[in-house]
Amino acid sequence: MGEGDASAGGDPQRLKRIAAAAYDYENDARWAGYWSNVLVPPHLASRPDVVDHFKRKFYQRYIDPGLVVEPMSSMTSTQSSRPAARSSATPSSENTRARDSGSSTRSTGASQQPSAERSANSLRLDGRTIHFSINAWVLVVASLGILPILPNHISSKAYRLSLLGTICSSAYSLYSTYGKPRAWNMTVIQPWLQCIIVAKDFVHLMFSLMMFTSNVHFKIALLPVLCWALDHVARFLRRNFTRSSLYRKYLEDPCLWVETNNTTLSLLCSNAEITLGFLMIISLFSSRRNIIQTFMYFHLLKLMYHAPVTSGYHQSVWARIGRAVNPNIYRYAPFLNTPISAVQRWWLR
């Protein structure tokens, strides 16, 4: 009893966890936007422990940066890989072993556990830091590649390097989030692909691969790459450098602007992606045309139109284009109504 009371009164993290659990998330408008941007596989999004974990991360980010949120990667991986019968029997045996060895671990493991946690946190931080470093590098290189004042050979190298960095960043993010299939058969691969194909990082990966392998360089393709890297860098800085005086003095306002104007940046990316599609159609009339790549890119635009993470922005841009173009087609080129209707049926299918 005395030990429990002392730990309750002297453990600030326990009080912070209680405050985080009692916080009214539903009446905080930021929570809805935060949860909509979290990429969670559908079979995990409905689990209360997963929702509670991200609520604590939201609380740490916006309310109390001092709250320590434990990772849940090990829990989700073990629960998804073990059979149901084994998972129901394992906790009782683990609890029995924990009770048997509890008295000894209190005395001998008290000094070893913090060091183990620190080493685990440092390993996780290293992974996030590498991901941040790649995106920061992409941000700098894409900024150089999109400038019209640089020589063509430098601009071309910056163009390809920024796309290559986005490929590496997106592939790493997909692997760290979804892992790889537990078995290489269609029964396991199909649901894994269904989770992957609608993820934002998969869209970024396909876009970068297509532009990297294209024989025509469109500088407008760097605009979405620049916005993606800027968003990731700003989010990382706001999560990990809030106590830095250098960050508070120089970077806090720009990072806050990026986060509050995320919708504007997403619409800018959607406009650039759709404009790039029309430029690829125009390039079909040049000597450097690539019919297969143009066809594949419009399949990617179709995926962006239907994927939950990008559908709202792309549907808004296409609706605005339709309102501007359709009246002129009906008035001056009515013979195009039939092929346009066929394309729309394929697009909405």
Protein backbone atom coordinates (compact mmCIF):
# COMPACT_ATOMS: atom_id res chain seq x y z
CA MET A 1 0.00 0.00 0.00
CA GLY A 2 2.73 2.45 0.98
CA GLU A 3 4.70 1.69 -2.16
CA GLY A 4 1.63 2.12 -4.39
CA ASP A 5 0.73 5.47 -2.80
CA ALA A 6 4.27 6.71 -3.14
CA SER A 7 4.44 5.73 -6.78
CA ALA A 8 1.06 7.36 -7.46
CA GLY A 9 2.11 10.62 -5.85
CA GLY A 10 5.70 10.69 -7.02
CA ASP A 11 5.36 9.47 -10.62
CA PRO A 12 4.59 12.49 -12.81
CA GLN A 13 4.16 10.29 -15.88
CA ARG A 14 1.28 8.45 -14.21
CA LEU A 15 -0.48 11.75 -13.55
CA LYS A 16 0.15 12.83 -17.13
CA ARG A 17 -1.32 9.56 -18.43
CA ILE A 18 -4.41 10.06 -16.27
CA ALA A 19 -4.79 13.59 -17.59
CA ALA A 20 -4.36 12.36 -21.17
CA ALA A 21 -7.03 9.68 -20.67
CA ALA A 22 -9.45 12.23 -19.20
CA TYR A 23 -8.95 14.80 -21.95
CA ASP A 24 -12.02 15.56 -24.11
CA TYR A 25 -10.72 14.68 -27.57
CA GLU A 26 -14.08 14.75 -29.33
CA ASN A 27 -14.56 18.47 -28.64
CA ASP A 28 -11.05 19.33 -29.86
CA ALA A 29 -11.20 20.10 -33.58
CA ARG A 30 -7.52 19.26 -33.94
CA TRP A 31 -8.12 15.62 -32.99
CA ALA A 32 -10.35 14.94 -36.02
CA GLY A 33 -7.72 16.34 -38.38
CA TYR A 34 -4.92 14.47 -36.60
CA TRP A 35 -6.74 11.12 -36.68
CA SER A 36 -7.67 11.53 -40.35
CA ASN A 37 -3.96 11.95 -41.23
CA VAL A 38 -2.83 8.87 -39.29
CA LEU A 39 -2.09 5.93 -41.58
CA VAL A 40 -3.36 2.85 -39.74
CA PRO A 41 -4.28 -0.47 -41.39
CA PRO A 42 -8.07 -0.97 -41.40
CA HIS A 43 -7.92 -4.04 -39.18
CA LEU A 44 -6.14 -1.99 -36.48
CA ALA A 45 -8.02 1.31 -36.75
CA SER A 46 -11.07 -0.04 -34.88
CA ARG A 47 -9.11 -1.40 -31.91
CA PRO A 48 -9.54 0.66 -28.72
CA ASP A 49 -5.90 0.21 -27.68
CA VAL A 50 -4.71 1.60 -31.03
CA VAL A 51 -7.05 4.60 -30.76
CA ASP A 52 -5.93 5.22 -27.17
CA HIS A 53 -2.28 5.07 -28.23
CA PHE A 54 -2.76 7.75 -30.87
CA LYS A 55 -4.82 9.84 -28.46
CA ARG A 56 -1.82 9.84 -26.12
CA LYS A 57 0.45 10.82 -29.02
CA PHE A 58 -1.97 13.65 -29.89
CA TYR A 59 -1.95 14.76 -26.25
CA GLN A 60 1.85 14.68 -26.22
CA ARG A 61 2.04 16.72 -29.40
CA TYR A 62 -0.54 19.44 -28.72
CA ILE A 63 -1.13 19.53 -24.95
CA ASP A 64 1.81 18.21 -22.93
CA PRO A 65 5.13 17.46 -24.71
CA GLY A 66 6.44 16.01 -21.45
CA LEU A 67 4.17 12.96 -21.69
CA VAL A 68 6.12 9.81 -22.54
CA VAL A 69 4.21 7.59 -24.99
CA GLU A 70 5.36 4.00 -25.10
CA PRO A 71 5.59 2.39 -28.56
CA MET A 72 3.04 -0.22 -29.51
CA SER A 73 4.82 -1.80 -32.49
CA SER A 74 5.76 -4.93 -30.56
CA MET A 75 2.21 -5.37 -29.31
CA THR A 76 0.61 -5.09 -32.74
CA SER A 77 3.14 -7.39 -34.39
CA THR A 78 2.77 -10.15 -31.82
CA GLN A 79 -1.00 -9.96 -31.81
CA SER A 80 -1.21 -10.11 -35.58
CA SER A 81 1.25 -12.99 -35.97
CA ARG A 82 0.15 -15.34 -33.22
CA PRO A 83 -2.84 -17.67 -33.57
CA ALA A 84 -5.87 -16.92 -31.42
CA ALA A 85 -5.52 -20.02 -29.26
CA ARG A 86 -1.91 -19.32 -28.47
CA SER A 87 -2.55 -15.65 -27.75
CA SER A 88 -5.26 -16.57 -25.25
CA ALA A 89 -2.98 -18.98 -23.43
CA THR A 90 0.20 -16.93 -23.46
CA PRO A 91 -0.83 -14.02 -21.15
CA SER A 92 -1.64 -16.34 -18.24
CA SER A 93 1.73 -18.08 -18.46
CA GLU A 94 3.53 -14.76 -18.87
CA ASN A 95 1.69 -13.31 -15.87
CA THR A 96 2.61 -16.39 -13.82
CA ARG A 97 6.27 -16.01 -14.73
CA ALA A 98 6.08 -12.30 -13.99
CA ARG A 99 4.62 -12.94 -10.51
CA ASP A 100 7.22 -15.61 -9.78
CA SER A 101 10.11 -13.39 -10.74
CA GLY A 102 8.59 -10.09 -9.66
CA SER A 103 10.32 -9.86 -6.31
CA SER A 104 13.74 -10.48 -7.82
CA THR A 105 13.34 -8.08 -10.74
CA ARG A 106 12.32 -5.23 -8.43
CA SER A 107 15.66 -5.36 -6.67
CA THR A 108 18.01 -6.28 -9.51
CA GLY A 109 16.26 -4.91 -12.60
CA ALA A 110 15.48 -1.39 -11.39
CA SER A 111 18.78 -0.04 -12.63
CA GLN A 112 18.85 -2.13 -15.83
CA GLN A 113 15.35 -1.24 -17.09
CA PRO A 114 15.93 2.51 -17.59
CA SER A 115 19.13 1.85 -19.54
CA ALA A 116 17.34 -0.71 -21.72
CA GLU A 117 14.51 1.76 -22.34
CA ARG A 118 16.98 4.49 -23.20
CA SER A 119 18.80 2.26 -25.68
CA ALA A 120 15.50 1.20 -27.28
CA ASN A 121 14.38 4.81 -27.52
CA SER A 122 17.70 5.80 -29.07
CA LEU A 123 17.33 3.05 -31.67
CA ARG A 124 13.82 4.21 -32.53
CA LEU A 125 15.00 7.80 -32.64
CA ASP A 126 17.77 6.81 -35.01
CA GLY A 127 15.21 5.40 -37.45
CA ARG A 128 13.09 8.54 -37.28
CA THR A 129 16.16 10.73 -37.55
CA ILE A 130 17.31 8.91 -40.69
CA HIS A 131 13.86 9.38 -42.21
CA PHE A 132 13.92 13.06 -41.26
CA SER A 133 17.42 13.48 -42.70
CA ILE A 134 16.35 12.03 -46.04
CA ASN A 135 13.37 14.38 -46.22
CA ALA A 136 15.49 17.39 -45.20
CA TRP A 137 17.95 16.47 -47.94
CA VAL A 138 15.08 16.16 -50.45
CA LEU A 139 13.77 19.56 -49.34
CA VAL A 140 17.11 21.24 -50.03
CA VAL A 141 17.82 19.44 -53.32
CA ALA A 142 14.28 19.92 -54.65
CA SER A 143 14.49 23.63 -53.82
CA LEU A 144 17.66 23.82 -55.90
CA GLY A 145 16.19 21.77 -58.73
CA ILE A 146 13.05 23.87 -59.06
CA LEU A 147 14.91 27.19 -59.28
CA PRO A 148 15.15 28.47 -62.87
CA ILE A 149 18.47 30.26 -62.28
CA LEU A 150 20.68 27.18 -62.05
CA PRO A 151 22.49 25.66 -65.06
CA ASN A 152 20.67 22.83 -66.77
CA HIS A 153 23.12 20.09 -65.79
CA ILE A 154 22.93 21.03 -62.08
CA SER A 155 19.17 21.40 -62.22
CA SER A 156 18.83 18.00 -63.90
CA LYS A 157 20.96 16.30 -61.25
CA ALA A 158 19.00 17.98 -58.46
CA TYR A 159 15.76 16.85 -60.15
CA ARG A 160 16.79 13.20 -60.20
CA LEU A 161 18.37 13.24 -56.73
CA SER A 162 15.26 14.72 -55.14
CA LEU A 163 13.06 12.07 -56.78
CA LEU A 164 15.49 9.35 -55.70
CA GLY A 165 15.38 10.65 -52.13
CA THR A 166 11.57 10.62 -52.18
CA ILE A 167 11.64 7.01 -53.43
CA CYS A 168 13.89 6.00 -50.53
CA SER A 169 11.85 7.95 -47.98
CA SER A 170 8.49 6.56 -49.15
CA ALA A 171 9.77 2.98 -49.36
CA TYR A 172 11.25 3.22 -45.86
CA SER A 173 8.03 4.68 -44.47
CA LEU A 174 5.92 1.94 -46.06
CA TYR A 175 8.22 -0.78 -44.72
CA SER A 176 8.32 0.67 -41.20
CA THR A 177 4.52 1.09 -41.13
CA TYR A 178 3.28 -2.08 -42.84
CA GLY A 179 6.31 -4.36 -42.81
CA LYS A 180 6.36 -7.22 -45.30
CA PRO A 181 3.88 -10.06 -45.82
CA ARG A 182 4.16 -12.88 -43.31
CA ALA A 183 4.06 -15.40 -46.17
CA TRP A 184 4.50 -15.11 -49.93
CA ASN A 185 1.12 -16.42 -51.03
CA MET A 186 -1.94 -14.61 -52.38
CA THR A 187 -3.99 -15.23 -49.23
CA VAL A 188 -1.59 -13.10 -47.20
CA ILE A 189 -0.33 -10.75 -49.90
CA GLN A 190 -3.77 -9.59 -51.06
CA PRO A 191 -4.92 -7.95 -47.77
CA TRP A 192 -1.41 -6.56 -47.28
CA LEU A 193 -1.56 -4.93 -50.72
CA GLN A 194 -5.04 -3.57 -50.01
CA CYS A 195 -3.61 -1.69 -47.04
CA ILE A 196 -0.52 -0.53 -48.92
CA ILE A 197 -2.14 0.67 -52.13
CA VAL A 198 -4.29 3.37 -50.50
CA ALA A 199 -1.49 4.70 -48.30
CA LYS A 200 -0.13 8.18 -48.91
CA ASP A 201 3.45 6.91 -49.06
CA PHE A 202 2.53 4.42 -51.79
CA VAL A 203 1.17 7.27 -53.92
CA HIS A 204 4.37 9.23 -53.30
CA LEU A 205 6.48 6.18 -54.21
CA MET A 206 4.66 5.53 -57.49
CA PHE A 207 4.75 9.21 -58.46
CA SER A 208 8.49 9.48 -57.81
CA LEU A 209 9.27 6.23 -59.63
CA MET A 210 7.37 7.35 -62.73
CA MET A 211 9.03 10.75 -62.81
CA PHE A 212 12.48 9.29 -62.09
CA THR A 213 12.24 6.82 -64.97
CA SER A 214 10.74 9.33 -67.41
CA ASN A 215 12.87 10.54 -70.29
CA VAL A 216 11.24 13.99 -70.05
CA HIS A 217 11.92 16.20 -67.03
CA PHE A 218 8.99 18.33 -65.90
CA LYS A 219 10.09 20.76 -63.21
CA ILE A 220 6.53 21.00 -61.95
CA ALA A 221 6.94 17.40 -60.73
CA LEU A 222 9.26 18.74 -58.02
CA LEU A 223 6.49 20.87 -56.51
CA PRO A 224 4.64 17.92 -54.85
CA VAL A 225 8.00 16.44 -53.79
CA LEU A 226 8.95 19.76 -52.21
CA CYS A 227 5.62 20.03 -50.35
CA TRP A 228 5.81 16.44 -49.05
CA ALA A 229 9.33 16.93 -47.72
CA LEU A 230 8.41 20.31 -46.20
CA ASP A 231 5.43 18.80 -44.39
CA HIS A 232 7.49 15.93 -42.97
CA VAL A 233 10.34 18.19 -41.85
CA ALA A 234 7.96 20.64 -40.17
CA ARG A 235 6.12 17.86 -38.32
CA PHE A 236 9.37 16.29 -37.13
CA LEU A 237 10.72 19.60 -35.85
CA ARG A 238 7.50 20.40 -33.99
CA ARG A 239 7.51 17.00 -32.32
CA ASN A 240 11.16 16.80 -31.30
CA PHE A 241 12.58 20.32 -31.01
CA THR A 242 9.93 22.23 -29.08
CA ARG A 243 12.34 22.77 -26.19
CA SER A 244 15.16 24.06 -28.38
CA SER A 245 15.74 27.80 -28.17
CA LEU A 246 17.01 27.83 -31.76
CA TYR A 247 13.78 26.19 -32.93
CA ARG A 248 11.57 28.56 -30.93
CA LYS A 249 13.44 31.59 -32.25
CA TYR A 250 13.73 30.79 -35.96
CA LEU A 251 11.70 27.72 -36.94
CA GLU A 252 8.57 27.61 -34.79
CA ASP A 253 6.54 30.11 -36.85
CA PRO A 254 7.41 28.56 -40.26
CA CYS A 255 6.67 25.05 -38.97
CA LEU A 256 3.39 26.23 -37.46
CA TRP A 257 2.45 27.87 -40.76
CA VAL A 258 3.15 24.64 -42.66
CA GLU A 259 1.02 22.63 -40.25
CA THR A 260 -1.91 25.05 -40.21
CA ASN A 261 -1.85 25.41 -44.01
CA ASN A 262 -1.65 21.69 -44.72
CA THR A 263 -4.87 21.80 -46.76
CA THR A 264 -3.50 24.59 -48.96
CA LEU A 265 -0.29 22.64 -49.59
CA SER A 266 -2.27 19.50 -50.42
CA LEU A 267 -4.41 21.40 -52.92
CA LEU A 268 -1.24 22.85 -54.44
CA CYS A 269 0.16 19.33 -54.84
CA SER A 270 -3.08 18.12 -56.44
CA ASN A 271 -3.06 20.99 -58.93
CA ALA A 272 0.57 20.25 -59.83
CA GLU A 273 -0.10 16.51 -60.24
CA ILE A 274 -3.09 17.09 -62.52
CA THR A 275 -1.26 19.77 -64.51
CA LEU A 276 1.58 17.30 -64.99
CA GLY A 277 -0.89 14.84 -66.50
CA PHE A 278 -1.98 17.37 -69.11
CA LEU A 279 1.67 18.20 -69.85
CA MET A 280 2.33 14.51 -70.47
CA ILE A 281 -0.57 14.45 -72.95
CA ILE A 282 0.94 17.44 -74.76
CA SER A 283 4.33 15.69 -74.81
CA LEU A 284 2.75 12.86 -76.83
CA PHE A 285 2.92 15.18 -79.84
CA SER A 286 6.68 15.65 -79.44
CA SER A 287 9.59 13.41 -80.37
CA ARG A 288 10.12 12.40 -76.71
CA ARG A 289 6.66 10.98 -76.22
CA ASN A 290 6.06 7.99 -73.97
CA ILE A 291 2.58 6.56 -74.45
CA ILE A 292 2.91 3.77 -71.88
CA GLN A 293 4.16 6.09 -69.17
CA THR A 294 1.38 8.60 -69.84
CA PHE A 295 -1.19 5.80 -69.60
CA MET A 296 0.34 4.58 -66.32
CA TYR A 297 0.42 8.11 -64.91
CA PHE A 298 -3.30 8.58 -65.56
CA HIS A 299 -3.91 5.30 -63.74
CA LEU A 300 -2.01 6.86 -60.84
CA LEU A 301 -4.16 10.00 -61.09
CA LYS A 302 -7.21 7.75 -60.99
CA LEU A 303 -5.85 6.12 -57.82
CA MET A 304 -5.29 9.58 -56.31
CA TYR A 305 -8.89 10.46 -57.19
CA HIS A 306 -10.22 7.45 -55.26
CA ALA A 307 -7.66 6.96 -52.44
CA PRO A 308 -9.00 8.33 -49.12
CA VAL A 309 -5.82 10.30 -48.33
CA THR A 310 -5.92 12.30 -51.59
CA SER A 311 -9.47 11.96 -52.93
CA GLY A 312 -10.85 15.14 -51.36
CA TYR A 313 -8.20 17.37 -52.91
CA HIS A 314 -8.20 15.74 -56.35
CA GLN A 315 -11.99 15.65 -56.59
CA SER A 316 -12.08 19.35 -55.75
CA VAL A 317 -9.57 20.21 -58.49
CA TRP A 318 -11.28 18.03 -61.11
CA ALA A 319 -14.68 19.53 -60.23
CA ARG A 320 -13.28 23.02 -60.75
CA ILE A 321 -11.79 21.98 -64.10
CA GLY A 322 -15.14 20.48 -65.14
CA ARG A 323 -17.03 23.66 -64.27
CA ALA A 324 -14.62 25.68 -66.41
CA VAL A 325 -14.29 23.32 -69.40
CA ASN A 326 -17.63 21.52 -69.81
CA PRO A 327 -19.73 24.57 -70.83
CA ASN A 328 -17.26 25.41 -73.60
CA ILE A 329 -17.24 21.79 -74.84
CA TYR A 330 -21.04 21.65 -74.91
CA ARG A 331 -21.14 24.93 -76.80
CA TYR A 332 -18.25 24.73 -79.26
CA ALA A 333 -17.33 21.01 -79.53
CA PRO A 334 -20.39 18.86 -78.81
CA PHE A 335 -18.87 15.98 -80.78
CA LEU A 336 -16.47 15.44 -77.83
CA ASN A 337 -19.31 14.59 -75.44
CA THR A 338 -19.31 10.89 -76.34
CA PRO A 339 -15.56 10.20 -75.84
CA ILE A 340 -15.50 12.36 -72.68
CA SER A 341 -18.43 10.39 -71.25
CA ALA A 342 -16.59 7.13 -71.96
CA VAL A 343 -13.47 8.43 -70.22
CA GLN A 344 -15.55 9.56 -67.24
CA ARG A 345 -17.14 6.11 -66.89
CA TRP A 346 -13.67 4.52 -66.83
CA TRP A 347 -12.42 7.17 -64.40
CA LEU A 348 -15.26 6.72 -61.91
CA ARG A 349 -15.27 2.92 -62.10
